[in-house]
Amino acid sequence: MKIQVLGSGCATCHKLFELTSQAVKELGLPEKAEYLTGDKAIQKIISMGVMQSPVITINGKAVVAGSVPTVNQIKEIIQKNS
């Protein structure tokens, strides 16, 4: 499973990455969340047809966009989409 957080690099994007990393760790997954920022991340967000950031993707599919859920909500999203 590939989990990524995409964003511009702002404080909100960084916070979502921290929470996602914590959720991955708490679930005991062998994967680590990746954090992509800047032009590459923005291009990927646009190519997925998403118009909000930050974004969490699981295996290339946007599962969260434009919000910062709690760690427990992120864990539920990961489990649902794994």
PDB file of N, CA and C in Angstrom:
ATOM      1  N   MET A   1       0.847  -1.169   0.000  1.00  0.00           N
ATOM      2  CA  MET A   1       0.000   0.000   0.000  1.00  0.00           C
ATOM      3  C   MET A   1       0.897   1.237   0.000  1.00  0.00           C
ATOM      4  N   LYS A   2       0.520   2.217  -0.826  1.00  0.00           N
ATOM      5  CA  LYS A   2       1.289   3.457  -0.927  1.00  0.00           C
ATOM      6  C   LYS A   2       0.424   4.605  -0.408  1.00  0.00           C
ATOM      7  N   ILE A   3       0.885   5.243   0.668  1.00  0.00           N
ATOM      8  CA  ILE A   3       0.152   6.350   1.282  1.00  0.00           C
ATOM      9  C   ILE A   3       0.971   7.618   1.095  1.00  0.00           C
ATOM     10  N   GLN A   4       0.329   8.633   0.493  1.00  0.00           N
ATOM     11  CA  GLN A   4       1.022   9.899   0.253  1.00  0.00           C
ATOM     12  C   GLN A   4       0.182  11.062   0.754  1.00  0.00           C
ATOM     13  N   VAL A   5       0.869  12.093   1.222  1.00  0.00           N
ATOM     14  CA  VAL A   5       0.243  13.362   1.540  1.00  0.00           C
ATOM     15  C   VAL A   5       0.802  14.364   0.535  1.00  0.00           C
ATOM     16  N   LEU A   6      -0.093  15.010  -0.188  1.00  0.00           N
ATOM     17  CA  LEU A   6       0.298  15.968  -1.222  1.00  0.00           C
ATOM     18  C   LEU A   6      -0.157  17.357  -0.812  1.00  0.00           C
ATOM     19  N   GLY A   7       0.701  18.346  -1.028  1.00  0.00           N
ATOM     20  CA  GLY A   7       0.325  19.712  -0.700  1.00  0.00           C
ATOM     21  C   GLY A   7       1.394  20.700  -1.098  1.00  0.00           C
ATOM     22  N   SER A   8       1.127  21.955  -0.777  1.00  0.00           N
ATOM     23  CA  SER A   8       2.029  23.039  -1.164  1.00  0.00           C
ATOM     24  C   SER A   8       3.226  23.169  -0.226  1.00  0.00           C
ATOM     25  N   GLY A   9       3.133  22.541   0.930  1.00  0.00           N
ATOM     26  CA  GLY A   9       4.196  22.663   1.931  1.00  0.00           C
ATOM     27  C   GLY A   9       3.825  23.604   3.056  1.00  0.00           C
ATOM     28  N   CYS A  10       2.567  24.018   3.103  1.00  0.00           N
ATOM     29  CA  CYS A  10       2.102  24.941   4.143  1.00  0.00           C
ATOM     30  C   CYS A  10       1.973  24.216   5.484  1.00  0.00           C
ATOM     31  N   ALA A  11       1.676  24.976   6.521  1.00  0.00           N
ATOM     32  CA  ALA A  11       1.544  24.402   7.864  1.00  0.00           C
ATOM     33  C   ALA A  11       0.419  23.370   7.923  1.00  0.00           C
ATOM     34  N   THR A  12      -0.671  23.609   7.225  1.00  0.00           N
ATOM     35  CA  THR A  12      -1.793  22.662   7.214  1.00  0.00           C
ATOM     36  C   THR A  12      -1.372  21.351   6.560  1.00  0.00           C
ATOM     37  N   CYS A  13      -0.648  21.440   5.453  1.00  0.00           N
ATOM     38  CA  CYS A  13      -0.166  20.240   4.760  1.00  0.00           C
ATOM     39  C   CYS A  13       0.778  19.453   5.663  1.00  0.00           C
ATOM     40  N   HIS A  14       1.673  20.150   6.339  1.00  0.00           N
ATOM     41  CA  HIS A  14       2.627  19.492   7.228  1.00  0.00           C
ATOM     42  C   HIS A  14       1.902  18.814   8.389  1.00  0.00           C
ATOM     43  N   LYS A  15       0.878  19.470   8.933  1.00  0.00           N
ATOM     44  CA  LYS A  15       0.102  18.892  10.028  1.00  0.00           C
ATOM     45  C   LYS A  15      -0.586  17.605   9.559  1.00  0.00           C
ATOM     46  N   LEU A  16      -1.154  17.617   8.355  1.00  0.00           N
ATOM     47  CA  LEU A  16      -1.807  16.416   7.830  1.00  0.00           C
ATOM     48  C   LEU A  16      -0.797  15.289   7.666  1.00  0.00           C
ATOM     49  N   PHE A  17       0.410  15.611   7.222  1.00  0.00           N
ATOM     50  CA  PHE A  17       1.448  14.588   7.096  1.00  0.00           C
ATOM     51  C   PHE A  17       1.804  13.997   8.458  1.00  0.00           C
ATOM     52  N   GLU A  18       1.947  14.853   9.465  1.00  0.00           N
ATOM     53  CA  GLU A  18       2.268  14.375  10.815  1.00  0.00           C
ATOM     54  C   GLU A  18       1.181  13.434  11.328  1.00  0.00           C
ATOM     55  N   LEU A  19      -0.084  13.825  11.170  1.00  0.00           N
ATOM     56  CA  LEU A  19      -1.195  13.000  11.644  1.00  0.00           C
ATOM     57  C   LEU A  19      -1.287  11.690  10.870  1.00  0.00           C
ATOM     58  N   THR A  20      -1.036  11.751   9.565  1.00  0.00           N
ATOM     59  CA  THR A  20      -1.076  10.542   8.737  1.00  0.00           C
ATOM     60  C   THR A  20       0.049   9.599   9.140  1.00  0.00           C
ATOM     61  N   SER A  21       1.235  10.138   9.371  1.00  0.00           N
ATOM     62  CA  SER A  21       2.358   9.316   9.816  1.00  0.00           C
ATOM     63  C   SER A  21       2.051   8.653  11.150  1.00  0.00           C
ATOM     64  N   GLN A  22       1.432   9.392  12.047  1.00  0.00           N
ATOM     65  CA  GLN A  22       1.063   8.848  13.352  1.00  0.00           C
ATOM     66  C   GLN A  22       0.030   7.721  13.180  1.00  0.00           C
ATOM     67  N   ALA A  23      -0.951   7.920  12.307  1.00  0.00           N
ATOM     68  CA  ALA A  23      -1.977   6.904  12.067  1.00  0.00           C
ATOM     69  C   ALA A  23      -1.355   5.629  11.502  1.00  0.00           C
ATOM     70  N   VAL A  24      -0.438   5.780  10.557  1.00  0.00           N
ATOM     71  CA  VAL A  24       0.248   4.623   9.965  1.00  0.00           C
ATOM     72  C   VAL A  24       1.012   3.859  11.044  1.00  0.00           C
ATOM     73  N   LYS A  25       1.707   4.601  11.897  1.00  0.00           N
ATOM     74  CA  LYS A  25       2.478   3.979  12.979  1.00  0.00           C
ATOM     75  C   LYS A  25       1.558   3.251  13.961  1.00  0.00           C
ATOM     76  N   GLU A  26       0.459   3.901  14.352  1.00  0.00           N
ATOM     77  CA  GLU A  26      -0.465   3.299  15.308  1.00  0.00           C
ATOM     78  C   GLU A  26      -1.136   2.046  14.743  1.00  0.00           C
ATOM     79  N   LEU A  27      -1.335   1.997  13.434  1.00  0.00           N
ATOM     80  CA  LEU A  27      -1.915   0.816  12.799  1.00  0.00           C
ATOM     81  C   LEU A  27      -0.894  -0.309  12.651  1.00  0.00           C
ATOM     82  N   GLY A  28       0.375  -0.001  12.890  1.00  0.00           N
ATOM     83  CA  GLY A  28       1.430  -1.002  12.791  1.00  0.00           C
ATOM     84  C   GLY A  28       1.730  -1.413  11.361  1.00  0.00           C
ATOM     85  N   LEU A  29       1.510  -0.503  10.421  1.00  0.00           N
ATOM     86  CA  LEU A  29       1.757  -0.816   9.012  1.00  0.00           C
ATOM     87  C   LEU A  29       3.252  -0.757   8.707  1.00  0.00           C
ATOM     88  N   PRO A  30       3.717  -1.619   7.817  1.00  0.00           N
ATOM     89  CA  PRO A  30       5.135  -1.585   7.460  1.00  0.00           C
ATOM     90  C   PRO A  30       5.487  -0.380   6.582  1.00  0.00           C
ATOM     91  N   GLU A  31       4.482   0.189   5.904  1.00  0.00           N
ATOM     92  CA  GLU A  31       4.717   1.345   5.040  1.00  0.00           C
ATOM     93  C   GLU A  31       4.884   2.609   5.880  1.00  0.00           C
ATOM     94  N   LYS A  32       5.460   3.600   5.258  1.00  0.00           N
ATOM     95  CA  LYS A  32       5.524   4.930   5.846  1.00  0.00           C
ATOM     96  C   LYS A  32       4.817   5.875   4.891  1.00  0.00           C
ATOM     97  N   ALA A  33       4.206   6.896   5.447  1.00  0.00           N
ATOM     98  CA  ALA A  33       3.558   7.895   4.607  1.00  0.00           C
ATOM     99  C   ALA A  33       4.635   8.731   3.919  1.00  0.00           C
ATOM    100  N   GLU A  34       4.399   9.055   2.659  1.00  0.00           N
ATOM    101  CA  GLU A  34       5.299   9.936   1.909  1.00  0.00           C
ATOM    102  C   GLU A  34       4.711  11.339   1.902  1.00  0.00           C
ATOM    103  N   TYR A  35       5.565  12.337   1.846  1.00  0.00           N
ATOM    104  CA  TYR A  35       5.131  13.734   1.829  1.00  0.00           C
ATOM    105  C   TYR A  35       5.678  14.384   0.570  1.00  0.00           C
ATOM    106  N   LEU A  36       4.797  14.747  -0.336  1.00  0.00           N
ATOM    107  CA  LEU A  36       5.189  15.413  -1.579  1.00  0.00           C
ATOM    108  C   LEU A  36       4.686  16.845  -1.552  1.00  0.00           C
ATOM    109  N   THR A  37       5.583  17.780  -1.836  1.00  0.00           N
ATOM    110  CA  THR A  37       5.202  19.194  -1.838  1.00  0.00           C
ATOM    111  C   THR A  37       5.695  19.857  -3.108  1.00  0.00           C
ATOM    112  N   GLY A  38       5.274  21.091  -3.273  1.00  0.00           N
ATOM    113  CA  GLY A  38       5.748  21.888  -4.397  1.00  0.00           C
ATOM    114  C   GLY A  38       5.040  21.592  -5.696  1.00  0.00           C
ATOM    115  N   ASP A  39       5.691  21.968  -6.802  1.00  0.00           N
ATOM    116  CA  ASP A  39       5.081  21.855  -8.127  1.00  0.00           C
ATOM    117  C   ASP A  39       4.688  20.428  -8.473  1.00  0.00           C
ATOM    118  N   LYS A  40       5.538  19.469  -8.125  1.00  0.00           N
ATOM    119  CA  LYS A  40       5.243  18.067  -8.442  1.00  0.00           C
ATOM    120  C   LYS A  40       3.952  17.619  -7.758  1.00  0.00           C
ATOM    121  N   ALA A  41       3.795  17.978  -6.500  1.00  0.00           N
ATOM    122  CA  ALA A  41       2.589  17.606  -5.751  1.00  0.00           C
ATOM    123  C   ALA A  41       1.359  18.302  -6.320  1.00  0.00           C
ATOM    124  N   ILE A  42       1.486  19.580  -6.622  1.00  0.00           N
ATOM    125  CA  ILE A  42       0.354  20.339  -7.158  1.00  0.00           C
ATOM    126  C   ILE A  42      -0.069  19.766  -8.507  1.00  0.00           C
ATOM    127  N   GLN A  43       0.881  19.430  -9.362  1.00  0.00           N
ATOM    128  CA  GLN A  43       0.554  18.819 -10.649  1.00  0.00           C
ATOM    129  C   GLN A  43      -0.167  17.494 -10.469  1.00  0.00           C
ATOM    130  N   LYS A  44       0.260  16.702  -9.501  1.00  0.00           N
ATOM    131  CA  LYS A  44      -0.382  15.409  -9.244  1.00  0.00           C
ATOM    132  C   LYS A  44      -1.808  15.621  -8.741  1.00  0.00           C
ATOM    133  N   ILE A  45      -2.002  16.596  -7.849  1.00  0.00           N
ATOM    134  CA  ILE A  45      -3.339  16.903  -7.332  1.00  0.00           C
ATOM    135  C   ILE A  45      -4.265  17.287  -8.486  1.00  0.00           C
ATOM    136  N   ILE A  46      -3.803  18.165  -9.352  1.00  0.00           N
ATOM    137  CA  ILE A  46      -4.602  18.616 -10.491  1.00  0.00           C
ATOM    138  C   ILE A  46      -4.902  17.470 -11.442  1.00  0.00           C
ATOM    139  N   SER A  47      -3.907  16.611 -11.679  1.00  0.00           N
ATOM    140  CA  SER A  47      -4.109  15.495 -12.616  1.00  0.00           C
ATOM    141  C   SER A  47      -5.159  14.499 -12.101  1.00  0.00           C
ATOM    142  N   MET A  48      -5.369  14.463 -10.781  1.00  0.00           N
ATOM    143  CA  MET A  48      -6.394  13.596 -10.203  1.00  0.00           C
ATOM    144  C   MET A  48      -7.768  14.258 -10.247  1.00  0.00           C
ATOM    145  N   GLY A  49      -7.819  15.515 -10.679  1.00  0.00           N
ATOM    146  CA  GLY A  49      -9.082  16.233 -10.743  1.00  0.00           C
ATOM    147  C   GLY A  49      -9.526  16.804  -9.407  1.00  0.00           C
ATOM    148  N   VAL A  50      -8.591  16.889  -8.464  1.00  0.00           N
ATOM    149  CA  VAL A  50      -8.892  17.429  -7.137  1.00  0.00           C
ATOM    150  C   VAL A  50      -8.527  18.906  -7.143  1.00  0.00           C
ATOM    151  N   MET A  51      -9.402  19.735  -6.575  1.00  0.00           N
ATOM    152  CA  MET A  51      -9.157  21.173  -6.583  1.00  0.00           C
ATOM    153  C   MET A  51      -8.893  21.743  -5.198  1.00  0.00           C
ATOM    154  N   GLN A  52      -8.617  20.869  -4.229  1.00  0.00           N
ATOM    155  CA  GLN A  52      -8.325  21.320  -2.875  1.00  0.00           C
ATOM    156  C   GLN A  52      -7.070  20.620  -2.380  1.00  0.00           C
ATOM    157  N   SER A  53      -6.392  21.249  -1.456  1.00  0.00           N
ATOM    158  CA  SER A  53      -5.259  20.595  -0.808  1.00  0.00           C
ATOM    159  C   SER A  53      -5.337  20.918   0.674  1.00  0.00           C
ATOM    160  N   PRO A  54      -4.705  20.154   1.510  1.00  0.00           N
ATOM    161  CA  PRO A  54      -3.865  19.000   1.216  1.00  0.00           C
ATOM    162  C   PRO A  54      -4.706  17.775   0.854  1.00  0.00           C
ATOM    163  N   VAL A  55      -4.007  16.767   0.320  1.00  0.00           N
ATOM    164  CA  VAL A  55      -4.658  15.547  -0.141  1.00  0.00           C
ATOM    165  C   VAL A  55      -3.923  14.340   0.434  1.00  0.00           C
ATOM    166  N   ILE A  56      -4.682  13.338   0.866  1.00  0.00           N
ATOM    167  CA  ILE A  56      -4.106  12.031   1.187  1.00  0.00           C
ATOM    168  C   ILE A  56      -4.497  11.107   0.048  1.00  0.00           C
ATOM    169  N   THR A  57      -3.512  10.382  -0.487  1.00  0.00           N
ATOM    170  CA  THR A  57      -3.812   9.365  -1.490  1.00  0.00           C
ATOM    171  C   THR A  57      -3.403   7.999  -0.948  1.00  0.00           C
ATOM    172  N   ILE A  58      -4.178   7.008  -1.325  1.00  0.00           N
ATOM    173  CA  ILE A  58      -3.832   5.625  -1.033  1.00  0.00           C
ATOM    174  C   ILE A  58      -3.833   4.890  -2.363  1.00  0.00           C
ATOM    175  N   ASN A  59      -2.664   4.364  -2.705  1.00  0.00           N
ATOM    176  CA  ASN A  59      -2.473   3.685  -3.997  1.00  0.00           C
ATOM    177  C   ASN A  59      -2.925   4.553  -5.164  1.00  0.00           C
ATOM    178  N   GLY A  60      -2.625   5.858  -5.087  1.00  0.00           N
ATOM    179  CA  GLY A  60      -2.909   6.782  -6.174  1.00  0.00           C
ATOM    180  C   GLY A  60      -4.317   7.344  -6.208  1.00  0.00           C
ATOM    181  N   LYS A  61      -5.167   6.946  -5.273  1.00  0.00           N
ATOM    182  CA  LYS A  61      -6.553   7.424  -5.229  1.00  0.00           C
ATOM    183  C   LYS A  61      -6.699   8.439  -4.097  1.00  0.00           C
ATOM    184  N   ALA A  62      -7.257   9.610  -4.412  1.00  0.00           N
ATOM    185  CA  ALA A  62      -7.483  10.632  -3.390  1.00  0.00           C
ATOM    186  C   ALA A  62      -8.563  10.163  -2.424  1.00  0.00           C
ATOM    187  N   VAL A  63      -8.239  10.127  -1.136  1.00  0.00           N
ATOM    188  CA  VAL A  63      -9.203   9.692  -0.127  1.00  0.00           C
ATOM    189  C   VAL A  63      -9.565  10.804   0.863  1.00  0.00           C
ATOM    190  N   VAL A  64      -8.770  11.855   0.899  1.00  0.00           N
ATOM    191  CA  VAL A  64      -9.035  13.049   1.708  1.00  0.00           C
ATOM    192  C   VAL A  64      -8.559  14.241   0.904  1.00  0.00           C
ATOM    193  N   ALA A  65      -9.373  15.292   0.854  1.00  0.00           N
ATOM    194  CA  ALA A  65      -8.958  16.502   0.146  1.00  0.00           C
ATOM    195  C   ALA A  65      -9.505  17.731   0.856  1.00  0.00           C
ATOM    196  N   GLY A  66      -8.615  18.665   1.130  1.00  0.00           N
ATOM    197  CA  GLY A  66      -9.015  19.955   1.667  1.00  0.00           C
ATOM    198  C   GLY A  66      -9.397  19.985   3.136  1.00  0.00           C
ATOM    199  N   SER A  67      -9.064  18.939   3.870  1.00  0.00           N
ATOM    200  CA  SER A  67      -9.369  18.939   5.298  1.00  0.00           C
ATOM    201  C   SER A  67      -8.259  18.225   6.060  1.00  0.00           C
ATOM    202  N   VAL A  68      -8.300  18.358   7.379  1.00  0.00           N
ATOM    203  CA  VAL A  68      -7.321  17.691   8.234  1.00  0.00           C
ATOM    204  C   VAL A  68      -8.098  16.872   9.269  1.00  0.00           C
ATOM    205  N   PRO A  69      -8.369  15.597   8.930  1.00  0.00           N
ATOM    206  CA  PRO A  69      -9.089  14.747   9.882  1.00  0.00           C
ATOM    207  C   PRO A  69      -8.227  14.399  11.091  1.00  0.00           C
ATOM    208  N   THR A  70      -8.866  13.855  12.115  1.00  0.00           N
ATOM    209  CA  THR A  70      -8.145  13.411  13.303  1.00  0.00           C
ATOM    210  C   THR A  70      -7.365  12.136  12.975  1.00  0.00           C
ATOM    211  N   VAL A  71      -6.467  11.756  13.872  1.00  0.00           N
ATOM    212  CA  VAL A  71      -5.695  10.517  13.694  1.00  0.00           C
ATOM    213  C   VAL A  71      -6.643   9.328  13.574  1.00  0.00           C
ATOM    214  N   ASN A  72      -7.659   9.264  14.435  1.00  0.00           N
ATOM    215  CA  ASN A  72      -8.596   8.138  14.384  1.00  0.00           C
ATOM    216  C   ASN A  72      -9.364   8.105  13.066  1.00  0.00           C
ATOM    217  N   GLN A  73      -9.759   9.265  12.561  1.00  0.00           N
ATOM    218  CA  GLN A  73     -10.449   9.313  11.267  1.00  0.00           C
ATOM    219  C   GLN A  73      -9.524   8.850  10.147  1.00  0.00           C
ATOM    220  N   ILE A  74      -8.265   9.255  10.206  1.00  0.00           N
ATOM    221  CA  ILE A  74      -7.299   8.834   9.188  1.00  0.00           C
ATOM    222  C   ILE A  74      -7.096   7.322   9.256  1.00  0.00           C
ATOM    223  N   LYS A  75      -7.015   6.782  10.457  1.00  0.00           N
ATOM    224  CA  LYS A  75      -6.868   5.325  10.608  1.00  0.00           C
ATOM    225  C   LYS A  75      -8.053   4.599   9.976  1.00  0.00           C
ATOM    226  N   GLU A  76      -9.264   5.096  10.196  1.00  0.00           N
ATOM    227  CA  GLU A  76     -10.459   4.493   9.597  1.00  0.00           C
ATOM    228  C   GLU A  76     -10.397   4.562   8.075  1.00  0.00           C
ATOM    229  N   ILE A  77      -9.961   5.694   7.551  1.00  0.00           N
ATOM    230  CA  ILE A  77      -9.858   5.880   6.100  1.00  0.00           C
ATOM    231  C   ILE A  77      -8.832   4.900   5.517  1.00  0.00           C
ATOM    232  N   ILE A  78      -7.700   4.749   6.184  1.00  0.00           N
ATOM    233  CA  ILE A  78      -6.661   3.820   5.706  1.00  0.00           C
ATOM    234  C   ILE A  78      -7.207   2.394   5.711  1.00  0.00           C
ATOM    235  N   GLN A  79      -7.852   2.002   6.797  1.00  0.00           N
ATOM    236  CA  GLN A  79      -8.383   0.644   6.885  1.00  0.00           C
ATOM    237  C   GLN A  79      -9.446   0.397   5.829  1.00  0.00           C
ATOM    238  N   LYS A  80     -10.278   1.363   5.581  1.00  0.00           N
ATOM    239  CA  LYS A  80     -11.356   1.245   4.584  1.00  0.00           C
ATOM    240  C   LYS A  80     -10.801   1.133   3.165  1.00  0.00           C
ATOM    241  N   ASN A  81      -9.673   1.778   2.908  1.00  0.00           N
ATOM    242  CA  ASN A  81      -9.134   1.847   1.554  1.00  0.00           C
ATOM    243  C   ASN A  81      -7.909   0.962   1.335  1.00  0.00           C
ATOM    244  N   SER A  82      -7.622   0.075   2.282  1.00  0.00           N
ATOM    245  CA  SER A  82      -6.445  -0.778   2.113  1.00  0.00           C
ATOM    246  C   SER A  82      -6.804  -2.089   1.399  1.00  0.00           C
TER     247      SER A  82
END
